[in-house]
């Protein structure tokens, strides 16, 4: 018996990995967070699978499902939104599975921050502009963010930032970002990336609040901010330069060159 923590991806049913979809089609028990994972993902499940929405279950009740699956000798898929490694609340489940002696495996998924970037055809890193990406969020009721990782502290790096669950906190986030980022810094908001109800806003940091009504953006909104989002910033890597030699491409020297 084995538990598979599968990344469901950002929302679209065809953005789950081939491995994740294959496992959904094999196991007889599937646990999924109904508040975060679209039911369209369940189309990959086998017809006779027991499908359990964990939105109303506490951790002990979820553990009981794993124990029951062990008694029945069946594998389980625990379907998590995005990628299980990012805000997935998987570590506490794994600790309990370790204590129970139940084997598990993690299958990665497409994260909402990369889906948000794809929604606006943006590259989050650019040579000489930003080569770092910070993934963060603001404190919520379920879990607090350490003070050393506050938006204001992280903004000092001026790297590309991807701020999860940003919608209800735009005023505080924008205020903190403006402590370090220039007012004209590009900002993108993506609500429910790849879902049918996806919405996108693109603007600049000092105009976000005036161009968006309070309460217009809900919890599942990703904010992307940073100079790398500016498509007018022209900076090219040397990797594909005709004069750049590397292991797989050797530049032929001109014999007539002085």
C-alpha atoms as a PDB file:
ATOM      1  CA  UNK A   1       0.000   0.000   0.000  1.00  0.00           C
ATOM      2  CA  UNK A   2       1.322   3.449  -0.917  1.00  0.00           C
ATOM      3  CA  UNK A   3       0.188   7.085  -0.774  1.00  0.00           C
ATOM      4  CA  UNK A   4       0.981   9.340  -3.738  1.00  0.00           C
ATOM      5  CA  UNK A   5       1.016  13.092  -3.139  1.00  0.00           C
ATOM      6  CA  UNK A   6       0.180  14.347  -6.628  1.00  0.00           C
ATOM      7  CA  UNK A   7       0.408  17.944  -7.796  1.00  0.00           C
ATOM      8  CA  UNK A   8      -2.849  18.726  -9.582  1.00  0.00           C
ATOM      9  CA  UNK A   9      -1.399  21.768 -11.300  1.00  0.00           C
ATOM     10  CA  UNK A  10      -2.940  25.263 -11.278  1.00  0.00           C
ATOM     11  CA  UNK A  11      -6.437  24.281 -12.366  1.00  0.00           C
ATOM     12  CA  UNK A  12      -6.761  23.215 -15.999  1.00  0.00           C
ATOM     13  CA  UNK A  13      -7.393  19.468 -16.157  1.00  0.00           C
ATOM     14  CA  UNK A  14      -4.783  18.957 -18.870  1.00  0.00           C
ATOM     15  CA  UNK A  15      -1.986  20.610 -16.897  1.00  0.00           C
ATOM     16  CA  UNK A  16      -1.583  17.683 -14.517  1.00  0.00           C
ATOM     17  CA  UNK A  17       1.502  15.607 -15.338  1.00  0.00           C
ATOM     18  CA  UNK A  18       1.204  12.375 -17.294  1.00  0.00           C
ATOM     19  CA  UNK A  19       2.407  10.504 -14.214  1.00  0.00           C
ATOM     20  CA  UNK A  20      -0.201  12.162 -12.016  1.00  0.00           C
ATOM     21  CA  UNK A  21      -3.021  11.403 -14.442  1.00  0.00           C
ATOM     22  CA  UNK A  22      -1.861   7.799 -14.764  1.00  0.00           C
ATOM     23  CA  UNK A  23      -1.891   7.327 -10.998  1.00  0.00           C
ATOM     24  CA  UNK A  24      -5.379   8.830 -10.721  1.00  0.00           C
ATOM     25  CA  UNK A  25      -6.517   6.248 -13.228  1.00  0.00           C
ATOM     26  CA  UNK A  26      -5.050   3.408 -11.187  1.00  0.00           C
ATOM     27  CA  UNK A  27      -5.788   3.947  -7.491  1.00  0.00           C
ATOM     28  CA  UNK A  28      -9.020   3.045  -5.725  1.00  0.00           C
ATOM     29  CA  UNK A  29      -9.014   5.961  -3.264  1.00  0.00           C
ATOM     30  CA  UNK A  30      -8.495   9.643  -4.041  1.00  0.00           C
ATOM     31  CA  UNK A  31      -8.364  12.449  -1.494  1.00  0.00           C
ATOM     32  CA  UNK A  32      -8.568  15.966  -2.908  1.00  0.00           C
ATOM     33  CA  UNK A  33      -9.070  19.483  -1.578  1.00  0.00           C
ATOM     34  CA  UNK A  34     -12.394  20.417  -3.125  1.00  0.00           C
ATOM     35  CA  UNK A  35     -11.983  24.083  -2.230  1.00  0.00           C
ATOM     36  CA  UNK A  36      -8.788  24.323  -4.313  1.00  0.00           C
ATOM     37  CA  UNK A  37      -8.810  21.540  -6.913  1.00  0.00           C
ATOM     38  CA  UNK A  38     -11.362  21.732  -9.772  1.00  0.00           C
ATOM     39  CA  UNK A  39     -13.603  18.700 -10.114  1.00  0.00           C
ATOM     40  CA  UNK A  40     -12.501  18.491 -13.761  1.00  0.00           C
ATOM     41  CA  UNK A  41      -9.286  16.882 -12.512  1.00  0.00           C
ATOM     42  CA  UNK A  42     -11.332  13.953 -11.225  1.00  0.00           C
ATOM     43  CA  UNK A  43     -12.103  12.957 -14.812  1.00  0.00           C
ATOM     44  CA  UNK A  44      -8.746  11.194 -14.729  1.00  0.00           C
ATOM     45  CA  UNK A  45      -9.928   8.873 -11.911  1.00  0.00           C
ATOM     46  CA  UNK A  46     -11.043   5.298 -12.492  1.00  0.00           C
ATOM     47  CA  UNK A  47     -14.812   4.824 -12.513  1.00  0.00           C
ATOM     48  CA  UNK A  48     -14.957   2.812  -9.279  1.00  0.00           C
ATOM     49  CA  UNK A  49     -12.584   5.006  -7.233  1.00  0.00           C
ATOM     50  CA  UNK A  50     -13.700   6.263  -3.832  1.00  0.00           C
ATOM     51  CA  UNK A  51     -13.319  10.044  -4.080  1.00  0.00           C
ATOM     52  CA  UNK A  52     -13.116  11.999  -0.815  1.00  0.00           C
ATOM     53  CA  UNK A  53     -13.290  15.786  -0.570  1.00  0.00           C
ATOM     54  CA  UNK A  54     -10.985  16.786   2.293  1.00  0.00           C
ATOM     55  CA  UNK A  55     -12.208  20.392   2.517  1.00  0.00           C
ATOM     56  CA  UNK A  56     -14.317  19.566   5.575  1.00  0.00           C
ATOM     57  CA  UNK A  57     -11.894  17.015   7.109  1.00  0.00           C
ATOM     58  CA  UNK A  58      -9.288  17.709   9.773  1.00  0.00           C
ATOM     59  CA  UNK A  59      -5.874  16.048   9.721  1.00  0.00           C
ATOM     60  CA  UNK A  60      -6.907  13.170  11.988  1.00  0.00           C
ATOM     61  CA  UNK A  61      -9.873  12.371   9.754  1.00  0.00           C
ATOM     62  CA  UNK A  62      -7.598  12.342   6.724  1.00  0.00           C
ATOM     63  CA  UNK A  63      -5.201  10.045   8.575  1.00  0.00           C
ATOM     64  CA  UNK A  64      -8.097   7.699   9.226  1.00  0.00           C
ATOM     65  CA  UNK A  65      -8.622   7.445   5.469  1.00  0.00           C
ATOM     66  CA  UNK A  66      -5.004   6.376   4.993  1.00  0.00           C
ATOM     67  CA  UNK A  67      -5.346   3.800   7.752  1.00  0.00           C
ATOM     68  CA  UNK A  68      -8.510   2.425   6.190  1.00  0.00           C
ATOM     69  CA  UNK A  69      -6.784   2.188   2.814  1.00  0.00           C
ATOM     70  CA  UNK A  70      -3.956   0.225   4.454  1.00  0.00           C
ATOM     71  CA  UNK A  71      -6.479  -2.199   5.943  1.00  0.00           C
ATOM     72  CA  UNK A  72      -7.979  -2.668   2.484  1.00  0.00           C
ATOM     73  CA  UNK A  73      -4.556  -2.983   0.861  1.00  0.00           C
ATOM     74  CA  UNK A  74      -5.183  -0.226  -1.705  1.00  0.00           C
ATOM     75  CA  UNK A  75      -3.086   2.698  -2.946  1.00  0.00           C
ATOM     76  CA  UNK A  76      -4.164   6.316  -2.435  1.00  0.00           C
ATOM     77  CA  UNK A  77      -3.670   9.529  -4.383  1.00  0.00           C
ATOM     78  CA  UNK A  78      -3.689  12.703  -2.286  1.00  0.00           C
ATOM     79  CA  UNK A  79      -4.364  15.387  -4.899  1.00  0.00           C
ATOM     80  CA  UNK A  80      -2.965  18.801  -3.986  1.00  0.00           C
ATOM     81  CA  UNK A  81      -3.383  22.044  -5.920  1.00  0.00           C
ATOM     82  CA  UNK A  82      -0.336  23.328  -7.777  1.00  0.00           C
ATOM     83  CA  UNK A  83       2.846  21.625  -6.624  1.00  0.00           C
ATOM     84  CA  UNK A  84       2.864  19.754  -3.288  1.00  0.00           C
ATOM     85  CA  UNK A  85       6.182  21.339  -2.304  1.00  0.00           C
ATOM     86  CA  UNK A  86       4.757  24.881  -2.127  1.00  0.00           C
ATOM     87  CA  UNK A  87       2.199  25.697   0.580  1.00  0.00           C
ATOM     88  CA  UNK A  88       0.933  22.142   0.263  1.00  0.00           C
ATOM     89  CA  UNK A  89       0.564  21.238   3.965  1.00  0.00           C
ATOM     90  CA  UNK A  90       2.107  17.904   3.044  1.00  0.00           C
ATOM     91  CA  UNK A  91       4.869  17.718   5.673  1.00  0.00           C
ATOM     92  CA  UNK A  92       2.443  17.078   8.546  1.00  0.00           C
ATOM     93  CA  UNK A  93       0.762  14.300   6.570  1.00  0.00           C
ATOM     94  CA  UNK A  94       4.122  12.716   5.792  1.00  0.00           C
ATOM     95  CA  UNK A  95       5.097  12.763   9.466  1.00  0.00           C
ATOM     96  CA  UNK A  96       1.952  10.822  10.309  1.00  0.00           C
ATOM     97  CA  UNK A  97       2.533   8.362   7.484  1.00  0.00           C
ATOM     98  CA  UNK A  98       6.100   7.837   8.741  1.00  0.00           C
ATOM     99  CA  UNK A  99       4.726   7.077  12.209  1.00  0.00           C
ATOM    100  CA  UNK A 100       2.256   4.614  10.704  1.00  0.00           C
ATOM    101  CA  UNK A 101       4.918   2.967   8.555  1.00  0.00           C
ATOM    102  CA  UNK A 102       3.023   3.797   5.349  1.00  0.00           C
ATOM    103  CA  UNK A 103       5.128   4.397   2.243  1.00  0.00           C
ATOM    104  CA  UNK A 104       4.565   7.521   0.152  1.00  0.00           C
ATOM    105  CA  UNK A 105       5.846   9.264  -2.953  1.00  0.00           C
ATOM    106  CA  UNK A 106       5.586  12.823  -4.257  1.00  0.00           C
ATOM    107  CA  UNK A 107       4.643  13.599  -7.862  1.00  0.00           C
ATOM    108  CA  UNK A 108       5.375  17.259  -8.700  1.00  0.00           C
ATOM    109  CA  UNK A 109       2.944  19.556 -10.455  1.00  0.00           C
ATOM    110  CA  UNK A 110       2.770  22.879 -12.291  1.00  0.00           C
ATOM    111  CA  UNK A 111       2.647  25.707  -9.758  1.00  0.00           C
ATOM    112  CA  UNK A 112       0.255  28.643  -9.970  1.00  0.00           C
ATOM    113  CA  UNK A 113       3.161  31.102 -10.126  1.00  0.00           C
ATOM    114  CA  UNK A 114       4.444  29.614 -13.387  1.00  0.00           C
ATOM    115  CA  UNK A 115       0.882  29.380 -14.701  1.00  0.00           C
ATOM    116  CA  UNK A 116       0.397  33.082 -13.893  1.00  0.00           C
ATOM    117  CA  UNK A 117       3.581  33.957 -15.768  1.00  0.00           C
ATOM    118  CA  UNK A 118       2.415  31.873 -18.725  1.00  0.00           C
ATOM    119  CA  UNK A 119      -0.938  33.678 -18.731  1.00  0.00           C
ATOM    120  CA  UNK A 120       0.841  36.905 -19.680  1.00  0.00           C
ATOM    121  CA  UNK A 121       3.708  35.280 -21.633  1.00  0.00           C
ATOM    122  CA  UNK A 122       6.230  36.591 -19.122  1.00  0.00           C
ATOM    123  CA  UNK A 123       9.707  35.373 -18.258  1.00  0.00           C
ATOM    124  CA  UNK A 124      10.409  35.875 -14.576  1.00  0.00           C
ATOM    125  CA  UNK A 125      14.181  36.170 -14.983  1.00  0.00           C
ATOM    126  CA  UNK A 126      16.200  38.339 -17.350  1.00  0.00           C
ATOM    127  CA  UNK A 127      19.987  38.711 -17.641  1.00  0.00           C
ATOM    128  CA  UNK A 128      21.311  41.767 -15.811  1.00  0.00           C
ATOM    129  CA  UNK A 129      17.778  42.624 -14.652  1.00  0.00           C
ATOM    130  CA  UNK A 130      16.736  39.872 -12.228  1.00  0.00           C
ATOM    131  CA  UNK A 131      18.134  36.385 -11.823  1.00  0.00           C
ATOM    132  CA  UNK A 132      16.210  35.528  -8.662  1.00  0.00           C
ATOM    133  CA  UNK A 133      12.567  34.689  -8.010  1.00  0.00           C
ATOM    134  CA  UNK A 134      11.070  35.022  -4.530  1.00  0.00           C
ATOM    135  CA  UNK A 135       7.990  32.950  -3.719  1.00  0.00           C
ATOM    136  CA  UNK A 136       6.122  34.265  -0.704  1.00  0.00           C
ATOM    137  CA  UNK A 137       2.775  35.164   0.811  1.00  0.00           C
ATOM    138  CA  UNK A 138       1.353  37.317   3.582  1.00  0.00           C
ATOM    139  CA  UNK A 139       0.359  35.989   6.986  1.00  0.00           C
ATOM    140  CA  UNK A 140      -3.032  34.335   7.225  1.00  0.00           C
ATOM    141  CA  UNK A 141      -5.181  32.707   9.892  1.00  0.00           C
ATOM    142  CA  UNK A 142      -3.876  29.214   9.145  1.00  0.00           C
ATOM    143  CA  UNK A 143      -0.166  30.042   9.212  1.00  0.00           C
ATOM    144  CA  UNK A 144       1.923  33.114   9.930  1.00  0.00           C
ATOM    145  CA  UNK A 145       4.883  34.347   7.903  1.00  0.00           C
ATOM    146  CA  UNK A 146       8.077  34.934   9.934  1.00  0.00           C
ATOM    147  CA  UNK A 147       8.795  38.633  10.434  1.00  0.00           C
ATOM    148  CA  UNK A 148      12.181  38.202   8.753  1.00  0.00           C
ATOM    149  CA  UNK A 149      10.306  37.160   5.598  1.00  0.00           C
ATOM    150  CA  UNK A 150       7.872  40.065   5.497  1.00  0.00           C
ATOM    151  CA  UNK A 151       7.062  41.594   2.113  1.00  0.00           C
ATOM    152  CA  UNK A 152       8.856  44.779   3.158  1.00  0.00           C
ATOM    153  CA  UNK A 153      12.031  42.853   4.017  1.00  0.00           C
ATOM    154  CA  UNK A 154      12.048  40.728   0.873  1.00  0.00           C
ATOM    155  CA  UNK A 155      11.315  43.727  -1.345  1.00  0.00           C
ATOM    156  CA  UNK A 156      14.741  45.132  -0.531  1.00  0.00           C
ATOM    157  CA  UNK A 157      16.235  42.630  -3.000  1.00  0.00           C
ATOM    158  CA  UNK A 158      14.156  44.013  -5.888  1.00  0.00           C
ATOM    159  CA  UNK A 159      14.087  40.511  -7.352  1.00  0.00           C
ATOM    160  CA  UNK A 160      11.043  39.189  -9.171  1.00  0.00           C
ATOM    161  CA  UNK A 161       8.436  38.412  -6.517  1.00  0.00           C
ATOM    162  CA  UNK A 162       5.513  35.997  -6.788  1.00  0.00           C
ATOM    163  CA  UNK A 163       3.072  36.665  -3.961  1.00  0.00           C
ATOM    164  CA  UNK A 164       0.512  33.908  -3.370  1.00  0.00           C
ATOM    165  CA  UNK A 165      -2.988  34.570  -2.001  1.00  0.00           C
ATOM    166  CA  UNK A 166      -2.486  38.296  -2.462  1.00  0.00           C
ATOM    167  CA  UNK A 167      -5.982  39.457  -3.428  1.00  0.00           C
ATOM    168  CA  UNK A 168      -7.437  40.618  -0.079  1.00  0.00           C
ATOM    169  CA  UNK A 169      -4.133  42.208   0.991  1.00  0.00           C
ATOM    170  CA  UNK A 170      -3.316  44.432  -1.978  1.00  0.00           C
ATOM    171  CA  UNK A 171      -3.184  47.702  -0.035  1.00  0.00           C
ATOM    172  CA  UNK A 172      -0.689  46.374   2.530  1.00  0.00           C
ATOM    173  CA  UNK A 173       1.370  44.554  -0.119  1.00  0.00           C
ATOM    174  CA  UNK A 174       1.620  47.567  -2.433  1.00  0.00           C
ATOM    175  CA  UNK A 175       2.550  49.850   0.468  1.00  0.00           C
ATOM    176  CA  UNK A 176       5.353  47.495   1.529  1.00  0.00           C
ATOM    177  CA  UNK A 177       6.641  46.970  -2.013  1.00  0.00           C
ATOM    178  CA  UNK A 178       6.866  50.720  -2.629  1.00  0.00           C
ATOM    179  CA  UNK A 179       9.407  50.968   0.192  1.00  0.00           C
ATOM    180  CA  UNK A 180      11.972  49.516  -2.226  1.00  0.00           C
ATOM    181  CA  UNK A 181      10.608  49.031  -5.747  1.00  0.00           C
ATOM    182  CA  UNK A 182      10.349  52.072  -8.062  1.00  0.00           C
ATOM    183  CA  UNK A 183       6.766  53.300  -8.587  1.00  0.00           C
ATOM    184  CA  UNK A 184       6.851  52.298 -12.280  1.00  0.00           C
ATOM    185  CA  UNK A 185       7.698  48.654 -11.516  1.00  0.00           C
ATOM    186  CA  UNK A 186       5.465  46.325 -13.582  1.00  0.00           C
ATOM    187  CA  UNK A 187       2.797  44.356 -11.707  1.00  0.00           C
ATOM    188  CA  UNK A 188       0.596  41.493 -12.865  1.00  0.00           C
ATOM    189  CA  UNK A 189      -2.399  40.080 -10.993  1.00  0.00           C
ATOM    190  CA  UNK A 190      -3.801  36.721 -12.081  1.00  0.00           C
ATOM    191  CA  UNK A 191      -6.903  35.298 -10.458  1.00  0.00           C
ATOM    192  CA  UNK A 192      -7.288  31.519 -10.748  1.00  0.00           C
ATOM    193  CA  UNK A 193      -4.717  31.009 -13.471  1.00  0.00           C
ATOM    194  CA  UNK A 194      -5.879  28.478 -16.135  1.00  0.00           C
ATOM    195  CA  UNK A 195      -9.386  28.145 -14.603  1.00  0.00           C
ATOM    196  CA  UNK A 196     -12.353  29.118 -16.824  1.00  0.00           C
ATOM    197  CA  UNK A 197     -12.862  32.211 -14.643  1.00  0.00           C
ATOM    198  CA  UNK A 198      -9.245  33.397 -14.946  1.00  0.00           C
ATOM    199  CA  UNK A 199      -8.823  37.201 -14.785  1.00  0.00           C
ATOM    200  CA  UNK A 200      -5.685  39.241 -15.454  1.00  0.00           C
ATOM    201  CA  UNK A 201      -4.575  42.778 -14.615  1.00  0.00           C
ATOM    202  CA  UNK A 202      -1.329  44.322 -15.807  1.00  0.00           C
ATOM    203  CA  UNK A 203      -0.113  47.709 -14.676  1.00  0.00           C
ATOM    204  CA  UNK A 204       2.515  49.382 -12.571  1.00  0.00           C
ATOM    205  CA  UNK A 205       3.037  49.412  -8.842  1.00  0.00           C
ATOM    206  CA  UNK A 206       1.953  52.973  -8.070  1.00  0.00           C
ATOM    207  CA  UNK A 207      -1.331  52.550  -9.986  1.00  0.00           C
ATOM    208  CA  UNK A 208      -2.527  49.168  -8.758  1.00  0.00           C
ATOM    209  CA  UNK A 209      -4.755  50.492  -6.001  1.00  0.00           C
ATOM    210  CA  UNK A 210      -6.357  53.263  -8.031  1.00  0.00           C
ATOM    211  CA  UNK A 211      -6.999  50.997 -11.028  1.00  0.00           C
ATOM    212  CA  UNK A 212      -8.552  48.160  -9.022  1.00  0.00           C
ATOM    213  CA  UNK A 213     -11.564  48.358  -6.728  1.00  0.00           C
ATOM    214  CA  UNK A 214     -11.249  47.172  -3.150  1.00  0.00           C
ATOM    215  CA  UNK A 215     -12.401  43.566  -2.855  1.00  0.00           C
ATOM    216  CA  UNK A 216     -12.229  43.008  -6.615  1.00  0.00           C
ATOM    217  CA  UNK A 217      -9.486  40.386  -6.277  1.00  0.00           C
ATOM    218  CA  UNK A 218     -10.145  37.287  -4.195  1.00  0.00           C
ATOM    219  CA  UNK A 219      -7.829  35.076  -2.178  1.00  0.00           C
ATOM    220  CA  UNK A 220      -6.641  32.861  -5.028  1.00  0.00           C
ATOM    221  CA  UNK A 221      -4.855  35.739  -6.762  1.00  0.00           C
ATOM    222  CA  UNK A 222      -1.187  35.605  -7.708  1.00  0.00           C
ATOM    223  CA  UNK A 223       0.777  38.860  -7.819  1.00  0.00           C
ATOM    224  CA  UNK A 224       3.895  39.047  -9.959  1.00  0.00           C
ATOM    225  CA  UNK A 225       6.106  42.109  -9.531  1.00  0.00           C
ATOM    226  CA  UNK A 226       9.539  43.099 -10.746  1.00  0.00           C
ATOM    227  CA  UNK A 227      11.522  44.781 -13.512  1.00  0.00           C
ATOM    228  CA  UNK A 228      11.842  41.482 -15.400  1.00  0.00           C
ATOM    229  CA  UNK A 229       8.152  41.762 -16.317  1.00  0.00           C
ATOM    230  CA  UNK A 230       8.877  44.891 -18.365  1.00  0.00           C
ATOM    231  CA  UNK A 231       8.969  43.706 -21.983  1.00  0.00           C
ATOM    232  CA  UNK A 232      10.729  46.918 -22.934  1.00  0.00           C
ATOM    233  CA  UNK A 233      13.713  45.722 -20.913  1.00  0.00           C
ATOM    234  CA  UNK A 234      15.862  44.221 -23.656  1.00  0.00           C
ATOM    235  CA  UNK A 235      18.520  41.958 -22.182  1.00  0.00           C
ATOM    236  CA  UNK A 236      19.669  38.804 -23.903  1.00  0.00           C
ATOM    237  CA  UNK A 237      21.594  35.854 -22.527  1.00  0.00           C
ATOM    238  CA  UNK A 238      24.926  34.969 -24.137  1.00  0.00           C
ATOM    239  CA  UNK A 239      23.811  31.348 -24.313  1.00  0.00           C
ATOM    240  CA  UNK A 240      22.518  31.558 -27.892  1.00  0.00           C
ATOM    241  CA  UNK A 241      24.934  34.193 -29.124  1.00  0.00           C
ATOM    242  CA  UNK A 242      26.740  33.167 -32.300  1.00  0.00           C
ATOM    243  CA  UNK A 243      30.017  34.085 -30.613  1.00  0.00           C
ATOM    244  CA  UNK A 244      29.426  32.030 -27.456  1.00  0.00           C
ATOM    245  CA  UNK A 245      31.144  28.652 -27.213  1.00  0.00           C
ATOM    246  CA  UNK A 246      29.938  25.910 -24.875  1.00  0.00           C
ATOM    247  CA  UNK A 247      30.036  22.142 -24.550  1.00  0.00           C
ATOM    248  CA  UNK A 248      27.485  21.539 -27.320  1.00  0.00           C
ATOM    249  CA  UNK A 249      28.404  24.343 -29.721  1.00  0.00           C
ATOM    250  CA  UNK A 250      31.887  25.363 -30.822  1.00  0.00           C
ATOM    251  CA  UNK A 251      32.342  28.704 -32.541  1.00  0.00           C
ATOM    252  CA  UNK A 252      34.566  28.436 -35.591  1.00  0.00           C
ATOM    253  CA  UNK A 253      37.207  31.110 -35.665  1.00  0.00           C
ATOM    254  CA  UNK A 254      37.724  33.171 -38.803  1.00  0.00           C
ATOM    255  CA  UNK A 255      41.149  32.252 -40.172  1.00  0.00           C
ATOM    256  CA  UNK A 256      41.416  35.617 -41.908  1.00  0.00           C
ATOM    257  CA  UNK A 257      40.894  37.500 -38.673  1.00  0.00           C
ATOM    258  CA  UNK A 258      43.915  39.505 -37.613  1.00  0.00           C
END
